[in-house]
Amino acid sequence: MPKVISRSAVSTSADARPTASSAAALKVYSLLTGTQILVIDAALSSLPRRQTDGAIIVRSQNKDGVKARAFKLNAQSCDPILIERSRGGHERQYRFQCPRCALPVGYQPNPPPATAGPFLYIFKGALTQVQGQLPQDAFDDEEPVDLTSDNATISNTTQE
């Protein structure tokens, strides 16, 4: 039997200088549950926010119908809902949810697919770039709850 000789070379790019293609790398965003929902060519923190609800605006088409931002949304479409805005008027939202746990992820004003309309809106605090880590803006609009006195009452009633 002939002797088998294998040769291999090890190459690393840890010391390499960043290139234009590495700066344009795709970003992956997940739910807190770990389900990867959105792959996009820009950081969500760099995108504009909607004034009405603080949702992140992803421009999917320009005015002339040309694709504006490269992204892939891994979410199921839901039945549309009608939202009444405080300034008057109504808004129809075609919502998207996680295919595994049915958590809402975002919405758009046009029927699915996600790239059909000019904009896709991602709910504030819905996605994180680090799996298992709470999104930074998840509880920005929430008011703090004081549990000092109520907590003792709740814990006493549940232990009986």
Protein backbone atom coordinates (compact mmCIF):
# COMPACT_ATOMS: atom_id res chain seq x y z
CA MET A 1 0.00 0.00 0.00
CA PRO A 2 1.41 3.42 -0.90
CA LYS A 3 2.13 5.87 1.85
CA VAL A 4 -0.41 8.75 2.03
CA ILE A 5 1.06 12.17 2.58
CA SER A 6 -1.24 15.09 3.18
CA ARG A 7 -0.20 18.67 2.97
CA SER A 8 -2.11 21.63 4.22
CA ALA A 9 -1.54 25.31 4.62
CA VAL A 10 -2.98 27.47 7.36
CA SER A 11 -4.02 30.98 6.48
CA THR A 12 -5.46 33.61 8.80
CA SER A 13 -6.70 37.08 8.17
CA ALA A 14 -6.64 38.30 11.76
CA ASP A 15 -3.77 40.68 11.07
CA ALA A 16 -5.05 41.83 7.68
CA ARG A 17 -6.10 45.43 7.13
CA PRO A 18 -9.86 45.99 6.68
CA THR A 19 -11.03 46.28 3.09
CA ALA A 20 -14.03 47.98 1.53
CA SER A 21 -15.82 44.64 1.25
CA SER A 22 -15.38 43.91 4.97
CA ALA A 23 -16.89 47.28 5.85
CA ALA A 24 -19.88 46.46 3.65
CA ALA A 25 -20.48 43.12 5.38
CA LEU A 26 -24.00 41.94 6.03
CA LYS A 27 -25.45 42.29 9.53
CA VAL A 28 -27.57 39.52 11.05
CA TYR A 29 -30.31 40.36 13.55
CA SER A 30 -32.18 37.93 15.77
CA LEU A 31 -35.00 37.82 18.25
CA LEU A 32 -34.18 37.35 21.91
CA THR A 33 -35.18 33.69 21.43
CA GLY A 34 -32.27 33.24 19.02
CA THR A 35 -34.23 33.00 15.77
CA GLN A 36 -32.39 34.83 12.99
CA ILE A 37 -34.92 37.17 11.41
CA LEU A 38 -33.15 39.86 9.38
CA VAL A 39 -30.01 40.00 7.26
CA ILE A 40 -29.27 43.52 6.04
CA ASP A 41 -26.42 45.50 4.53
CA ALA A 42 -26.46 48.25 7.20
CA ALA A 43 -26.60 48.48 10.97
CA LEU A 44 -30.14 49.09 12.23
CA SER A 45 -28.79 51.77 14.57
CA SER A 46 -27.69 53.80 11.54
CA LEU A 47 -31.13 53.76 9.89
CA PRO A 48 -33.74 56.49 10.48
CA ARG A 49 -36.66 56.06 12.87
CA ARG A 50 -40.32 56.75 12.36
CA GLN A 51 -41.71 59.58 14.52
CA THR A 52 -45.11 57.98 15.16
CA ASP A 53 -43.91 54.82 16.91
CA GLY A 54 -40.09 54.85 16.84
CA ALA A 55 -39.91 51.96 14.36
CA ILE A 56 -36.75 51.58 12.28
CA ILE A 57 -37.29 52.53 8.62
CA VAL A 58 -35.82 50.18 6.02
CA ARG A 59 -36.21 51.62 2.53
CA SER A 60 -36.85 48.67 0.26
CA GLN A 61 -37.51 50.62 -2.96
CA ASN A 62 -36.68 54.08 -4.27
CA LYS A 63 -39.31 56.29 -5.91
CA ASP A 64 -38.53 54.82 -9.32
CA GLY A 65 -39.04 51.24 -8.07
CA VAL A 66 -35.33 50.38 -7.92
CA LYS A 67 -34.19 48.29 -4.96
CA ALA A 68 -32.74 50.63 -2.30
CA ARG A 69 -31.39 48.42 0.49
CA ALA A 70 -30.32 44.79 0.37
CA PHE A 71 -32.06 42.73 3.05
CA LYS A 72 -33.72 39.37 3.67
CA LEU A 73 -36.55 39.11 6.20
CA ASN A 74 -37.21 35.63 7.59
CA ALA A 75 -40.72 36.22 8.92
CA GLN A 76 -44.30 35.17 8.23
CA SER A 77 -46.89 37.67 7.11
CA CYS A 78 -50.01 38.12 9.23
CA ASP A 79 -53.48 39.47 8.57
CA PRO A 80 -53.47 43.27 8.24
CA ILE A 81 -54.61 45.43 11.12
CA LEU A 82 -55.94 48.97 11.20
CA ILE A 83 -54.24 51.41 13.59
CA GLU A 84 -55.87 54.67 14.68
CA ARG A 85 -53.25 57.41 15.02
CA SER A 86 -53.44 60.13 17.69
CA ARG A 87 -53.21 62.93 15.11
CA GLY A 88 -56.25 61.58 13.36
CA GLY A 89 -56.49 59.17 10.52
CA HIS A 90 -55.91 55.47 10.21
CA GLU A 91 -53.04 53.32 9.03
CA ARG A 92 -53.24 49.81 7.64
CA GLN A 93 -50.30 47.63 8.73
CA TYR A 94 -49.36 44.34 7.15
CA ARG A 95 -47.43 42.76 10.00
CA PHE A 96 -44.64 40.20 10.05
CA GLN A 97 -43.99 37.73 12.86
CA CYS A 98 -41.41 35.12 13.81
CA PRO A 99 -42.13 31.78 12.11
CA ARG A 100 -41.23 29.86 15.29
CA CYS A 101 -42.64 31.84 18.21
CA ALA A 102 -45.07 34.30 16.51
CA LEU A 103 -43.48 37.39 18.10
CA PRO A 104 -44.17 40.52 16.05
CA VAL A 105 -41.12 41.81 14.20
CA GLY A 106 -42.29 44.61 11.92
CA TYR A 107 -44.82 45.85 9.42
CA GLN A 108 -45.27 47.59 6.10
CA PRO A 109 -48.08 49.63 4.53
CA ASN A 110 -48.31 47.35 1.47
CA PRO A 111 -49.31 43.68 1.19
CA PRO A 112 -46.45 41.12 1.40
CA PRO A 113 -43.78 40.23 0.37
CA ALA A 114 -41.48 42.45 2.44
CA THR A 115 -39.85 43.99 -0.64
CA ALA A 116 -43.17 44.88 -2.31
CA GLY A 117 -43.58 48.33 -0.80
CA PRO A 118 -41.30 51.33 -0.51
CA PHE A 119 -40.70 50.86 3.24
CA LEU A 120 -40.43 48.13 5.82
CA TYR A 121 -40.68 49.13 9.48
CA ILE A 122 -38.96 47.11 12.21
CA PHE A 123 -40.53 47.44 15.66
CA LYS A 124 -38.47 49.32 18.20
CA GLY A 125 -36.63 46.88 20.46
CA ALA A 126 -37.64 43.80 18.48
CA LEU A 127 -34.25 42.66 17.15
CA THR A 128 -30.75 42.29 18.53
CA GLN A 129 -27.44 41.68 16.83
CA VAL A 130 -26.16 39.48 19.69
CA GLN A 131 -28.18 36.32 20.21
CA GLY A 132 -29.59 35.96 23.70
CA GLN A 133 -28.90 39.60 24.61
CA LEU A 134 -31.72 42.04 25.22
CA PRO A 135 -31.94 44.78 22.54
CA GLN A 136 -30.71 48.14 23.84
CA ASP A 137 -33.95 49.97 23.02
CA ALA A 138 -36.33 47.23 24.18
CA PHE A 139 -37.70 49.11 27.21
CA ASP A 140 -36.94 52.75 26.35
CA ASP A 141 -40.55 53.97 26.59
CA GLU A 142 -41.51 51.85 29.59
CA GLU A 143 -42.01 53.46 32.97
CA PRO A 144 -40.13 51.88 35.89
CA VAL A 145 -42.20 49.87 38.34
CA ASP A 146 -41.55 50.07 42.08
CA LEU A 147 -41.77 46.55 43.47
CA THR A 148 -40.44 47.23 46.96
CA SER A 149 -43.72 47.10 48.90
CA ASP A 150 -45.88 45.16 46.44
CA ASN A 151 -43.25 42.48 45.90
CA ALA A 152 -43.41 41.37 49.53
CA THR A 153 -47.19 41.03 49.34
CA ILE A 154 -47.04 39.08 46.09
CA SER A 155 -44.37 36.69 47.32
CA ASN A 156 -46.28 36.01 50.56
CA THR A 157 -49.49 35.17 48.74
CA THR A 158 -47.81 32.85 46.24
CA GLN A 159 -45.95 30.82 48.88
CA GLU A 160 -49.07 29.80 50.82
